[in-house]
Structures are given as structure tokens and as C-alpha cells.
Amino acid sequence: MLTIMTRNVVMPLFALVVLIALPLEAAGPAPGFAAMSGSQIDALLKRSIATEPDLDKRIQDISENFLGVPFVLSPLGEGPGNTPDSDPLISFEAADCTTFIEETLALTLSVNLKRAKEMLRRIRYRGGRIDYLQRKHFMMAQWIPLNEKAGFIEDVTRQVGGAAVRMVGKRLDPEVWNKRRRDKAWPLLKPDQVPCGESRLPIIPIESACGLYTGIRPGTILFVVRKDVANMPVRITHMGLVVDKRGKRFLRHASRVFGRVADEPLEAFFKRNLGYTRWPVEGINLQKVKDKCVQK
């Protein structure tokens, strides 16, 4: 879910989810990218950019190739030999919610796999430098604002939520970091290595989102924002991609609940999130993917 760092060092995402029966699209064929060679992926990406000018449609088509990929916490790292996370820099064998979105963006904005790997570095790391300490570990403090600044995404929450939108914040500093609940696993960061300051972003309250979901454009990245809790240094706990299927909105996400990348009806997803009481969901933030960074 959120920014997962290593298999043993995990951000606290959906730790409180209870597995319940939910309406879900049936599992499809074997995962696309996982079954492709590098040359096949190159051909697919080149064809996609050449034939589909609509970025929102392209990101939906590219992400479809992840459907069915197993959910695994922190499948990616800095690569073999790199500590503290030696998982592959890129892999299509497994995904969590963050790596699914990161890889989908990198592939959608690239004409071949080589370019996609370069793009992934820019999306995941500050300055594109592959280093654990340069990774955009925190969604509100790093991933969203830094990728907005880099031109990869643009906030569209107000365009969908209108008057219902409100601003929320989260303060992070060494003092907050030291108060984090010790029954969770967190990034291997010392107090002086966490970003300091208050991060703010607009949200649509979850109650309002249930009535506005049809206005979310396919291709939009959706972030789940929880209530602010003093001993939790994060508020964003999940992310996924809104897609259109036969005129209905779904959230395509790597989900612990379903154990794989799956399409869940967006209305059902919102209703499920309304039910969390131990760490309530406050709302959603929406980001549009921008196409000015396409790597040809």
C-alpha cells in the first residue's frame, strides 16, 4: 500500500482491513507484462504511444497488463547488492499499491522499457538518484508534492469535489517520528532523515465522494486519506487508478484485500472505506497524470 520500502520494512497500509465478501471483477488471464519479453514490452509501448493520443486511455490500457499480478508488500527496492532494500528496481512479478502506480506511470510515459526504467527512477527518487534515502517514502510530504513539481501529476480534487473539498494537513518531524506506534514497521530512517514540516492537500470527504464518483475521469490516481492520528506519521494509506469499464467506474489497485491487482467497483470501494472505525478514512485526493514528460 503506501510507500512500501522493504519486505521487512513496511509502511502501515490496510493493516486494519477485514477481509469481507465484495463485488469484484473476475480474475482475468495470466498477468500481461509478467509473461512478456523485453522486446514484446518495447513493441507494446511503442504501439501505444503511436496509436493512442489520449493519455487517460493509454494509462488505462497499459495498467490492464498488471491485472492478476499477486499483491506483495514491497516488491521493489534499489536492486541487488544495495542495502537496506536489495529487491529489484523494476519487476512485473508482484506489486503493492505504490509500485503498481509507479510502474504504470513509467511505462505509460515511455516508448520502450529502457526509457521506462529511467522514468521510474525519476518518479520514485528525488532527482532520479537511486538511493534509499532519496526515495519518496512519504505520500503527503514527498511523493505527491515532488511529482507535482516534476510535472508528472496535477491535483484535480477541486475540479471533481467543488464546494465539498476541504484542506487537510499532516505535520512530520523528528518528534512526530519518535511517537510512531512501535507495532508497525516503518522506513529505516533516523529522526533527522524524515522530512520536516506540515504537508497539506485538498480532499473530498469520503461521505461526499460516494455521490461524486461518476465525475472522476478514468486515468485519475486516487489516494485514500485517513484521519490524523498523533502516533501515525502518515495519513495516506492507499492509492489506485480510476478506470472505466462498460460505462462504470472501477478502482484498479494492488490490494491486500484481494491479494492481487484487481478492478473493484468504485462505489463499492467507497462504501467499504466508510466502514473503517479504528482508523477512519477522512477522504480522497485526486491527481491527473500529465503527458508533457512522455519519453520518446
C-alpha atoms as a PDB file:
ATOM      1  CA  MET A   1       0.000   0.000   0.000  1.00  0.00           C
ATOM      2  CA  LEU A   2       1.506   3.351   0.762  1.00  0.00           C
ATOM      3  CA  THR A   3       5.207   3.668   0.025  1.00  0.00           C
ATOM      4  CA  ILE A   4       6.444   0.221   0.935  1.00  0.00           C
ATOM      5  CA  MET A   5      10.162   0.112   1.492  1.00  0.00           C
ATOM      6  CA  THR A   6      11.283  -3.450   2.025  1.00  0.00           C
ATOM      7  CA  ARG A   7       9.609  -6.733   2.718  1.00  0.00           C
ATOM      8  CA  ASN A   8      10.655  -6.357   6.314  1.00  0.00           C
ATOM      9  CA  VAL A   9      10.198  -2.589   6.481  1.00  0.00           C
ATOM     10  CA  VAL A  10       6.646  -1.734   5.535  1.00  0.00           C
ATOM     11  CA  MET A  11       4.538   1.382   5.754  1.00  0.00           C
ATOM     12  CA  PRO A  12       1.297   0.706   7.664  1.00  0.00           C
ATOM     13  CA  LEU A  13      -1.235   0.274   4.880  1.00  0.00           C
ATOM     14  CA  PHE A  14      -4.537  -1.520   5.225  1.00  0.00           C
ATOM     15  CA  ALA A  15      -3.223  -3.258   8.336  1.00  0.00           C
ATOM     16  CA  LEU A  16      -6.694  -2.888   9.799  1.00  0.00           C
ATOM     17  CA  VAL A  17      -8.670  -4.203   6.841  1.00  0.00           C
ATOM     18  CA  VAL A  18     -11.042  -7.060   7.491  1.00  0.00           C
ATOM     19  CA  LEU A  19     -11.481  -9.347   4.533  1.00  0.00           C
ATOM     20  CA  ILE A  20     -15.156  -9.377   3.521  1.00  0.00           C
ATOM     21  CA  ALA A  21     -17.151 -10.508   0.522  1.00  0.00           C
ATOM     22  CA  LEU A  22     -17.071  -7.750  -2.095  1.00  0.00           C
ATOM     23  CA  PRO A  23     -18.238  -7.358  -5.678  1.00  0.00           C
ATOM     24  CA  LEU A  24     -15.164  -7.721  -7.848  1.00  0.00           C
ATOM     25  CA  GLU A  25     -14.315  -8.327 -11.450  1.00  0.00           C
ATOM     26  CA  ALA A  26     -13.421 -11.955 -12.075  1.00  0.00           C
ATOM     27  CA  ALA A  27      -9.758 -12.778 -12.379  1.00  0.00           C
ATOM     28  CA  GLY A  28      -8.531 -12.429 -15.937  1.00  0.00           C
ATOM     29  CA  PRO A  29      -5.820 -14.227 -17.885  1.00  0.00           C
ATOM     30  CA  ALA A  30      -2.223 -14.598 -16.748  1.00  0.00           C
ATOM     31  CA  PRO A  31      -0.573 -11.225 -16.000  1.00  0.00           C
ATOM     32  CA  GLY A  32       0.423  -9.451 -19.218  1.00  0.00           C
ATOM     33  CA  PHE A  33       3.781  -7.823 -18.539  1.00  0.00           C
ATOM     34  CA  ALA A  34       4.962 -10.730 -16.401  1.00  0.00           C
ATOM     35  CA  ALA A  35       4.564 -13.037 -19.394  1.00  0.00           C
ATOM     36  CA  MET A  36       6.223 -10.698 -21.930  1.00  0.00           C
ATOM     37  CA  SER A  37       9.830 -10.438 -23.065  1.00  0.00           C
ATOM     38  CA  GLY A  38      11.593  -7.090 -23.106  1.00  0.00           C
ATOM     39  CA  SER A  39      11.173  -6.804 -26.860  1.00  0.00           C
ATOM     40  CA  GLN A  40       7.456  -7.531 -26.586  1.00  0.00           C
ATOM     41  CA  ILE A  41       7.062  -4.795 -23.970  1.00  0.00           C
ATOM     42  CA  ASP A  42       9.008  -2.405 -26.212  1.00  0.00           C
ATOM     43  CA  ALA A  43       6.684  -3.168 -29.109  1.00  0.00           C
ATOM     44  CA  LEU A  44       3.594  -2.669 -26.957  1.00  0.00           C
ATOM     45  CA  LEU A  45       4.788   0.690 -25.588  1.00  0.00           C
ATOM     46  CA  LYS A  46       5.832   1.978 -28.998  1.00  0.00           C
ATOM     47  CA  ARG A  47       2.487   0.974 -30.496  1.00  0.00           C
ATOM     48  CA  SER A  48       0.571   2.508 -27.596  1.00  0.00           C
ATOM     49  CA  ILE A  49       2.156   5.952 -27.948  1.00  0.00           C
ATOM     50  CA  ALA A  50       1.897   5.854 -31.749  1.00  0.00           C
ATOM     51  CA  THR A  51      -1.776   4.850 -31.913  1.00  0.00           C
ATOM     52  CA  GLU A  52      -3.425   6.247 -28.762  1.00  0.00           C
ATOM     53  CA  PRO A  53      -3.090  10.032 -28.344  1.00  0.00           C
ATOM     54  CA  ASP A  54      -5.373  10.122 -25.295  1.00  0.00           C
ATOM     55  CA  LEU A  55      -3.140   9.754 -22.227  1.00  0.00           C
ATOM     56  CA  ASP A  56      -6.038   8.792 -19.954  1.00  0.00           C
ATOM     57  CA  LYS A  57      -6.981   5.959 -22.307  1.00  0.00           C
ATOM     58  CA  ARG A  58      -3.365   4.919 -22.675  1.00  0.00           C
ATOM     59  CA  ILE A  59      -2.760   4.665 -18.936  1.00  0.00           C
ATOM     60  CA  GLN A  60      -5.879   2.541 -18.600  1.00  0.00           C
ATOM     61  CA  ASP A  61      -4.722   0.220 -21.406  1.00  0.00           C
ATOM     62  CA  ILE A  62      -1.189  -0.094 -20.019  1.00  0.00           C
ATOM     63  CA  SER A  63      -2.365  -0.750 -16.460  1.00  0.00           C
ATOM     64  CA  GLU A  64      -4.603  -3.577 -17.668  1.00  0.00           C
ATOM     65  CA  ASN A  65      -1.456  -5.633 -18.208  1.00  0.00           C
ATOM     66  CA  PHE A  66      -0.980  -5.750 -14.416  1.00  0.00           C
ATOM     67  CA  LEU A  67      -4.370  -7.336 -13.683  1.00  0.00           C
ATOM     68  CA  GLY A  68      -3.931 -10.563 -11.757  1.00  0.00           C
ATOM     69  CA  VAL A  69      -0.378  -9.794 -10.615  1.00  0.00           C
ATOM     70  CA  PRO A  70      -0.015 -11.016  -6.991  1.00  0.00           C
ATOM     71  CA  PHE A  71      -0.062  -8.480  -4.198  1.00  0.00           C
ATOM     72  CA  VAL A  72       3.268  -8.495  -2.331  1.00  0.00           C
ATOM     73  CA  LEU A  73       4.418  -5.886   0.142  1.00  0.00           C
ATOM     74  CA  SER A  74       7.475  -4.033  -1.124  1.00  0.00           C
ATOM     75  CA  PRO A  75       8.385  -5.993  -4.252  1.00  0.00           C
ATOM     76  CA  LEU A  76      10.797  -3.289  -5.431  1.00  0.00           C
ATOM     77  CA  GLY A  77      13.983  -1.844  -3.986  1.00  0.00           C
ATOM     78  CA  GLU A  78      17.257  -0.355  -5.145  1.00  0.00           C
ATOM     79  CA  GLY A  79      18.417  -3.556  -6.816  1.00  0.00           C
ATOM     80  CA  PRO A  80      20.707  -6.471  -5.862  1.00  0.00           C
ATOM     81  CA  GLY A  81      23.604  -5.561  -3.626  1.00  0.00           C
ATOM     82  CA  ASN A  82      22.020  -2.359  -2.395  1.00  0.00           C
ATOM     83  CA  THR A  83      21.118  -2.057   1.266  1.00  0.00           C
ATOM     84  CA  PRO A  84      18.813  -1.839   3.057  1.00  0.00           C
ATOM     85  CA  ASP A  85      16.498  -2.877   0.192  1.00  0.00           C
ATOM     86  CA  SER A  86      18.032  -5.186  -2.422  1.00  0.00           C
ATOM     87  CA  ASP A  87      14.792  -6.100  -4.210  1.00  0.00           C
ATOM     88  CA  PRO A  88      14.733  -5.499  -8.000  1.00  0.00           C
ATOM     89  CA  LEU A  89      14.479  -1.923  -9.209  1.00  0.00           C
ATOM     90  CA  ILE A  90      11.656  -2.981 -11.534  1.00  0.00           C
ATOM     91  CA  SER A  91       9.648  -6.204 -11.655  1.00  0.00           C
ATOM     92  CA  PHE A  92       6.326  -7.331 -13.094  1.00  0.00           C
ATOM     93  CA  GLU A  93       6.010 -10.450 -10.952  1.00  0.00           C
ATOM     94  CA  ALA A  94       4.360  -8.724  -7.967  1.00  0.00           C
ATOM     95  CA  ALA A  95       3.070  -5.316  -6.896  1.00  0.00           C
ATOM     96  CA  ASP A  96       1.825  -3.285  -3.973  1.00  0.00           C
ATOM     97  CA  CYS A  97      -0.371  -0.237  -4.450  1.00  0.00           C
ATOM     98  CA  THR A  98       2.502   2.214  -4.824  1.00  0.00           C
ATOM     99  CA  THR A  99       4.735   0.168  -7.108  1.00  0.00           C
ATOM    100  CA  PHE A 100       1.730  -0.649  -9.321  1.00  0.00           C
ATOM    101  CA  ILE A 101       1.082   3.064  -9.861  1.00  0.00           C
ATOM    102  CA  GLU A 102       4.764   3.950 -10.245  1.00  0.00           C
ATOM    103  CA  GLU A 103       5.423   1.263 -12.846  1.00  0.00           C
ATOM    104  CA  THR A 104       2.192   2.044 -14.700  1.00  0.00           C
ATOM    105  CA  LEU A 105       3.141   5.726 -14.945  1.00  0.00           C
ATOM    106  CA  ALA A 106       6.686   4.951 -16.049  1.00  0.00           C
ATOM    107  CA  LEU A 107       5.504   2.563 -18.775  1.00  0.00           C
ATOM    108  CA  THR A 108       2.696   4.823 -19.983  1.00  0.00           C
ATOM    109  CA  LEU A 109       5.044   7.797 -20.355  1.00  0.00           C
ATOM    110  CA  SER A 110       7.755   5.852 -22.212  1.00  0.00           C
ATOM    111  CA  VAL A 111       8.266   4.486 -25.695  1.00  0.00           C
ATOM    112  CA  ASN A 112      10.319   1.484 -24.577  1.00  0.00           C
ATOM    113  CA  LEU A 113      11.405  -0.403 -21.463  1.00  0.00           C
ATOM    114  CA  LYS A 114      14.768   1.368 -21.222  1.00  0.00           C
ATOM    115  CA  ARG A 115      13.042   4.737 -21.124  1.00  0.00           C
ATOM    116  CA  ALA A 116      10.516   3.358 -18.627  1.00  0.00           C
ATOM    117  CA  LYS A 117      13.294   2.396 -16.220  1.00  0.00           C
ATOM    118  CA  GLU A 118      14.698   5.905 -16.477  1.00  0.00           C
ATOM    119  CA  MET A 119      11.245   7.354 -15.892  1.00  0.00           C
ATOM    120  CA  LEU A 120      10.672   5.100 -12.896  1.00  0.00           C
ATOM    121  CA  ARG A 121      13.814   6.448 -11.268  1.00  0.00           C
ATOM    122  CA  ARG A 122      12.522   9.992 -11.651  1.00  0.00           C
ATOM    123  CA  ILE A 123       9.108   9.078 -10.233  1.00  0.00           C
ATOM    124  CA  ARG A 124      10.403   7.123  -7.208  1.00  0.00           C
ATOM    125  CA  TYR A 125      13.540   9.070  -6.279  1.00  0.00           C
ATOM    126  CA  ARG A 126      14.378  12.691  -5.649  1.00  0.00           C
ATOM    127  CA  GLY A 127      16.496  13.842  -8.554  1.00  0.00           C
ATOM    128  CA  GLY A 128      16.239  10.363 -10.096  1.00  0.00           C
ATOM    129  CA  ARG A 129      19.092   9.170  -7.890  1.00  0.00           C
ATOM    130  CA  ILE A 130      18.732   5.521  -6.910  1.00  0.00           C
ATOM    131  CA  ASP A 131      19.294   5.606  -3.172  1.00  0.00           C
ATOM    132  CA  TYR A 132      17.149   4.511  -0.234  1.00  0.00           C
ATOM    133  CA  LEU A 133      17.421   7.911   1.412  1.00  0.00           C
ATOM    134  CA  GLN A 134      16.360   9.618  -1.835  1.00  0.00           C
ATOM    135  CA  ARG A 135      13.214   7.534  -2.212  1.00  0.00           C
ATOM    136  CA  LYS A 136       9.935   9.425  -1.902  1.00  0.00           C
ATOM    137  CA  HIS A 137       8.870   7.491   1.168  1.00  0.00           C
ATOM    138  CA  PHE A 138       6.020   9.703   2.383  1.00  0.00           C
ATOM    139  CA  MET A 139       2.994  10.372   0.171  1.00  0.00           C
ATOM    140  CA  MET A 140       1.903  13.754   1.552  1.00  0.00           C
ATOM    141  CA  ALA A 141       5.363  15.085   2.331  1.00  0.00           C
ATOM    142  CA  GLN A 142       7.263  13.757  -0.696  1.00  0.00           C
ATOM    143  CA  TRP A 143       5.606  11.601  -3.354  1.00  0.00           C
ATOM    144  CA  ILE A 144       2.709  13.877  -4.273  1.00  0.00           C
ATOM    145  CA  PRO A 145       4.341  17.336  -3.990  1.00  0.00           C
ATOM    146  CA  LEU A 146       7.625  16.281  -5.603  1.00  0.00           C
ATOM    147  CA  ASN A 147       5.896  14.559  -8.514  1.00  0.00           C
ATOM    148  CA  GLU A 148       3.608  17.553  -8.940  1.00  0.00           C
ATOM    149  CA  LYS A 149       6.675  19.786  -9.069  1.00  0.00           C
ATOM    150  CA  ALA A 150       8.342  17.451 -11.584  1.00  0.00           C
ATOM    151  CA  GLY A 151       5.304  17.722 -13.841  1.00  0.00           C
ATOM    152  CA  PHE A 152       4.150  14.113 -13.633  1.00  0.00           C
ATOM    153  CA  ILE A 153       0.830  14.793 -11.899  1.00  0.00           C
ATOM    154  CA  GLU A 154      -1.618  17.625 -11.298  1.00  0.00           C
ATOM    155  CA  ASP A 155      -4.170  17.915  -8.482  1.00  0.00           C
ATOM    156  CA  VAL A 156      -7.756  17.774  -9.786  1.00  0.00           C
ATOM    157  CA  THR A 157      -9.550  17.239  -6.459  1.00  0.00           C
ATOM    158  CA  ARG A 158     -11.344  20.596  -6.609  1.00  0.00           C
ATOM    159  CA  GLN A 159     -12.470  20.028 -10.183  1.00  0.00           C
ATOM    160  CA  VAL A 160     -14.393  16.956  -9.028  1.00  0.00           C
ATOM    161  CA  GLY A 161     -15.356  17.860  -5.470  1.00  0.00           C
ATOM    162  CA  GLY A 162     -16.238  21.536  -5.859  1.00  0.00           C
ATOM    163  CA  ALA A 163     -17.636  23.067  -2.681  1.00  0.00           C
ATOM    164  CA  ALA A 164     -17.289  19.789  -0.778  1.00  0.00           C
ATOM    165  CA  VAL A 165     -13.477  19.966  -0.870  1.00  0.00           C
ATOM    166  CA  ARG A 166     -11.525  20.903   2.240  1.00  0.00           C
ATOM    167  CA  MET A 167      -7.841  21.117   3.101  1.00  0.00           C
ATOM    168  CA  VAL A 168      -6.171  18.709   5.496  1.00  0.00           C
ATOM    169  CA  GLY A 169      -2.636  18.562   6.803  1.00  0.00           C
ATOM    170  CA  LYS A 170      -0.064  16.381   8.487  1.00  0.00           C
ATOM    171  CA  ARG A 171       2.941  17.510  10.458  1.00  0.00           C
ATOM    172  CA  LEU A 172       6.071  15.383  10.317  1.00  0.00           C
ATOM    173  CA  ASP A 173       9.297  15.994  12.207  1.00  0.00           C
ATOM    174  CA  PRO A 174      11.678  14.052  14.481  1.00  0.00           C
ATOM    175  CA  GLU A 175       9.305  14.418  17.436  1.00  0.00           C
ATOM    176  CA  VAL A 176       6.348  13.001  15.498  1.00  0.00           C
ATOM    177  CA  TRP A 177       8.540  10.263  14.055  1.00  0.00           C
ATOM    178  CA  ASN A 178       9.636   9.171  17.518  1.00  0.00           C
ATOM    179  CA  LYS A 179       5.988   8.878  18.624  1.00  0.00           C
ATOM    180  CA  ARG A 180       5.081   6.405  15.889  1.00  0.00           C
ATOM    181  CA  ARG A 181       3.425   3.214  17.014  1.00  0.00           C
ATOM    182  CA  ARG A 182       6.050   0.555  17.539  1.00  0.00           C
ATOM    183  CA  ASP A 183       3.784  -2.303  16.492  1.00  0.00           C
ATOM    184  CA  LYS A 184       4.202  -1.153  12.891  1.00  0.00           C
ATOM    185  CA  ALA A 185       7.200  -1.443  10.597  1.00  0.00           C
ATOM    186  CA  TRP A 186       8.436   1.789   9.059  1.00  0.00           C
ATOM    187  CA  PRO A 187      11.149   3.001   6.681  1.00  0.00           C
ATOM    188  CA  LEU A 188      14.656   2.598   8.052  1.00  0.00           C
ATOM    189  CA  LEU A 189      15.070   6.302   8.692  1.00  0.00           C
ATOM    190  CA  LYS A 190      16.609   8.103  11.625  1.00  0.00           C
ATOM    191  CA  PRO A 191      14.655  11.018  13.098  1.00  0.00           C
ATOM    192  CA  ASP A 192      16.877  13.555  11.339  1.00  0.00           C
ATOM    193  CA  GLN A 193      16.258  11.819   7.982  1.00  0.00           C
ATOM    194  CA  VAL A 194      12.491  12.325   7.828  1.00  0.00           C
ATOM    195  CA  PRO A 195      11.133  15.403   6.027  1.00  0.00           C
ATOM    196  CA  CYS A 196      10.157  18.183   8.434  1.00  0.00           C
ATOM    197  CA  GLY A 197       7.150  20.449   8.246  1.00  0.00           C
ATOM    198  CA  GLU A 198       3.418  20.340   7.619  1.00  0.00           C
ATOM    199  CA  SER A 199       2.104  18.980   4.343  1.00  0.00           C
ATOM    200  CA  ARG A 200      -1.352  19.999   3.130  1.00  0.00           C
ATOM    201  CA  LEU A 201      -3.584  18.824   0.329  1.00  0.00           C
ATOM    202  CA  PRO A 202      -7.242  19.069  -0.688  1.00  0.00           C
ATOM    203  CA  ILE A 203      -9.591  16.161  -0.130  1.00  0.00           C
ATOM    204  CA  ILE A 204     -13.151  15.217  -0.962  1.00  0.00           C
ATOM    205  CA  PRO A 205     -14.716  13.900   2.276  1.00  0.00           C
ATOM    206  CA  ILE A 206     -15.448  10.207   1.903  1.00  0.00           C
ATOM    207  CA  GLU A 207     -19.159  10.798   2.537  1.00  0.00           C
ATOM    208  CA  SER A 208     -19.285  13.234  -0.384  1.00  0.00           C
ATOM    209  CA  ALA A 209     -17.092  11.064  -2.615  1.00  0.00           C
ATOM    210  CA  CYS A 210     -19.777   8.379  -2.633  1.00  0.00           C
ATOM    211  CA  GLY A 211     -22.047  10.716  -4.563  1.00  0.00           C
ATOM    212  CA  LEU A 212     -19.398  12.211  -6.839  1.00  0.00           C
ATOM    213  CA  TYR A 213     -17.507   9.174  -8.098  1.00  0.00           C
ATOM    214  CA  THR A 214     -19.077   9.258 -11.572  1.00  0.00           C
ATOM    215  CA  GLY A 215     -17.350  12.606 -12.116  1.00  0.00           C
ATOM    216  CA  ILE A 216     -13.847  11.178 -11.653  1.00  0.00           C
ATOM    217  CA  ARG A 217     -12.189  10.829 -15.040  1.00  0.00           C
ATOM    218  CA  PRO A 218     -10.679   7.471 -15.998  1.00  0.00           C
ATOM    219  CA  GLY A 219      -6.894   7.630 -15.670  1.00  0.00           C
ATOM    220  CA  THR A 220      -7.040   9.596 -12.402  1.00  0.00           C
ATOM    221  CA  ILE A 221      -4.883   8.480  -9.471  1.00  0.00           C
ATOM    222  CA  LEU A 222      -6.912   8.219  -6.263  1.00  0.00           C
ATOM    223  CA  PHE A 223      -5.326   8.495  -2.811  1.00  0.00           C
ATOM    224  CA  VAL A 224      -7.052   7.384   0.406  1.00  0.00           C
ATOM    225  CA  VAL A 225      -6.558   9.880   3.256  1.00  0.00           C
ATOM    226  CA  ARG A 226      -7.178   8.756   6.851  1.00  0.00           C
ATOM    227  CA  LYS A 227      -7.961  10.800   9.947  1.00  0.00           C
ATOM    228  CA  ASP A 228      -4.947  12.442  11.562  1.00  0.00           C
ATOM    229  CA  VAL A 229      -3.652  10.297  14.431  1.00  0.00           C
ATOM    230  CA  ALA A 230      -0.849  11.547  16.673  1.00  0.00           C
ATOM    231  CA  ASN A 231       1.154   8.304  16.716  1.00  0.00           C
ATOM    232  CA  MET A 232       0.834   7.736  12.961  1.00  0.00           C
ATOM    233  CA  PRO A 233       3.311   9.772  10.872  1.00  0.00           C
ATOM    234  CA  VAL A 234       1.228   9.246   7.714  1.00  0.00           C
ATOM    235  CA  ARG A 235      -2.347   9.855   6.604  1.00  0.00           C
ATOM    236  CA  ILE A 236      -2.376   8.472   3.051  1.00  0.00           C
ATOM    237  CA  THR A 237      -2.653   4.698   3.228  1.00  0.00           C
ATOM    238  CA  HIS A 238      -3.626   3.542  -0.258  1.00  0.00           C
ATOM    239  CA  MET A 239      -3.645   4.560  -3.907  1.00  0.00           C
ATOM    240  CA  GLY A 240      -5.171   3.243  -7.101  1.00  0.00           C
ATOM    241  CA  LEU A 241      -6.160   4.113 -10.656  1.00  0.00           C
ATOM    242  CA  VAL A 242      -9.716   5.003 -11.667  1.00  0.00           C
ATOM    243  CA  VAL A 243     -10.745   3.183 -14.864  1.00  0.00           C
ATOM    244  CA  ASP A 244     -13.887   2.952 -16.972  1.00  0.00           C
ATOM    245  CA  LYS A 245     -15.357  -0.410 -17.914  1.00  0.00           C
ATOM    246  CA  ARG A 246     -18.580  -0.522 -19.884  1.00  0.00           C
ATOM    247  CA  GLY A 247     -19.504   2.947 -18.666  1.00  0.00           C
ATOM    248  CA  LYS A 248     -18.923   2.177 -14.974  1.00  0.00           C
ATOM    249  CA  ARG A 249     -16.115   3.414 -12.735  1.00  0.00           C
ATOM    250  CA  PHE A 250     -13.735   0.961 -11.088  1.00  0.00           C
ATOM    251  CA  LEU A 251     -10.646   1.339  -8.941  1.00  0.00           C
ATOM    252  CA  ARG A 252      -7.766  -0.676 -10.371  1.00  0.00           C
ATOM    253  CA  HIS A 253      -5.391  -1.290  -7.486  1.00  0.00           C
ATOM    254  CA  ALA A 254      -2.938  -3.718  -5.959  1.00  0.00           C
ATOM    255  CA  SER A 255      -4.982  -4.799  -2.995  1.00  0.00           C
ATOM    256  CA  ARG A 256      -4.144  -6.789   0.099  1.00  0.00           C
ATOM    257  CA  VAL A 257      -7.868  -7.485   0.434  1.00  0.00           C
ATOM    258  CA  PHE A 258      -7.975  -9.329  -2.889  1.00  0.00           C
ATOM    259  CA  GLY A 259      -4.374 -10.485  -2.948  1.00  0.00           C
ATOM    260  CA  ARG A 260      -3.684  -9.176  -6.427  1.00  0.00           C
ATOM    261  CA  VAL A 261      -4.091  -6.267  -8.817  1.00  0.00           C
ATOM    262  CA  ALA A 262      -7.834  -6.153  -9.354  1.00  0.00           C
ATOM    263  CA  ASP A 263     -10.689  -3.964 -10.544  1.00  0.00           C
ATOM    264  CA  GLU A 264     -13.122  -3.093  -7.756  1.00  0.00           C
ATOM    265  CA  PRO A 265     -16.316  -1.110  -8.437  1.00  0.00           C
ATOM    266  CA  LEU A 266     -15.545   2.392  -7.221  1.00  0.00           C
ATOM    267  CA  GLU A 267     -18.876   2.772  -5.445  1.00  0.00           C
ATOM    268  CA  ALA A 268     -18.226  -0.449  -3.513  1.00  0.00           C
ATOM    269  CA  PHE A 269     -14.705   0.721  -2.667  1.00  0.00           C
ATOM    270  CA  PHE A 270     -16.029   3.961  -1.170  1.00  0.00           C
ATOM    271  CA  LYS A 271     -18.717   2.176   0.830  1.00  0.00           C
ATOM    272  CA  ARG A 272     -16.122  -0.227   2.202  1.00  0.00           C
ATOM    273  CA  ASN A 273     -13.888   2.657   3.254  1.00  0.00           C
ATOM    274  CA  LEU A 274     -16.792   4.288   5.059  1.00  0.00           C
ATOM    275  CA  GLY A 275     -16.879   1.275   7.354  1.00  0.00           C
ATOM    276  CA  TYR A 276     -13.412   1.573   8.896  1.00  0.00           C
ATOM    277  CA  THR A 277     -13.675   2.692  12.520  1.00  0.00           C
ATOM    278  CA  ARG A 278     -10.311   2.027  14.190  1.00  0.00           C
ATOM    279  CA  TRP A 279      -8.547   4.380  11.784  1.00  0.00           C
ATOM    280  CA  PRO A 280     -11.336   6.133   9.864  1.00  0.00           C
ATOM    281  CA  VAL A 281     -10.962   7.303   6.298  1.00  0.00           C
ATOM    282  CA  GLU A 282     -11.488  11.062   6.027  1.00  0.00           C
ATOM    283  CA  GLY A 283     -11.484  11.476   2.268  1.00  0.00           C
ATOM    284  CA  ILE A 284      -9.762  11.118  -1.092  1.00  0.00           C
ATOM    285  CA  ASN A 285      -7.275  13.164  -3.080  1.00  0.00           C
ATOM    286  CA  LEU A 286      -7.245  13.026  -6.886  1.00  0.00           C
ATOM    287  CA  GLN A 287      -4.300  13.517  -9.245  1.00  0.00           C
ATOM    288  CA  LYS A 288      -4.305  13.667 -13.042  1.00  0.00           C
ATOM    289  CA  VAL A 289      -1.319  12.246 -14.914  1.00  0.00           C
ATOM    290  CA  LYS A 290       0.283  14.804 -17.240  1.00  0.00           C
ATOM    291  CA  ASP A 291       1.720  13.962 -20.637  1.00  0.00           C
ATOM    292  CA  LYS A 292       4.392  16.622 -21.080  1.00  0.00           C
ATOM    293  CA  CYS A 293       7.031  14.221 -19.734  1.00  0.00           C
ATOM    294  CA  VAL A 294       6.481  11.458 -22.308  1.00  0.00           C
ATOM    295  CA  GLN A 295       9.862   9.922 -23.117  1.00  0.00           C
ATOM    296  CA  LYS A 296      10.260   9.142 -26.823  1.00  0.00           C
END
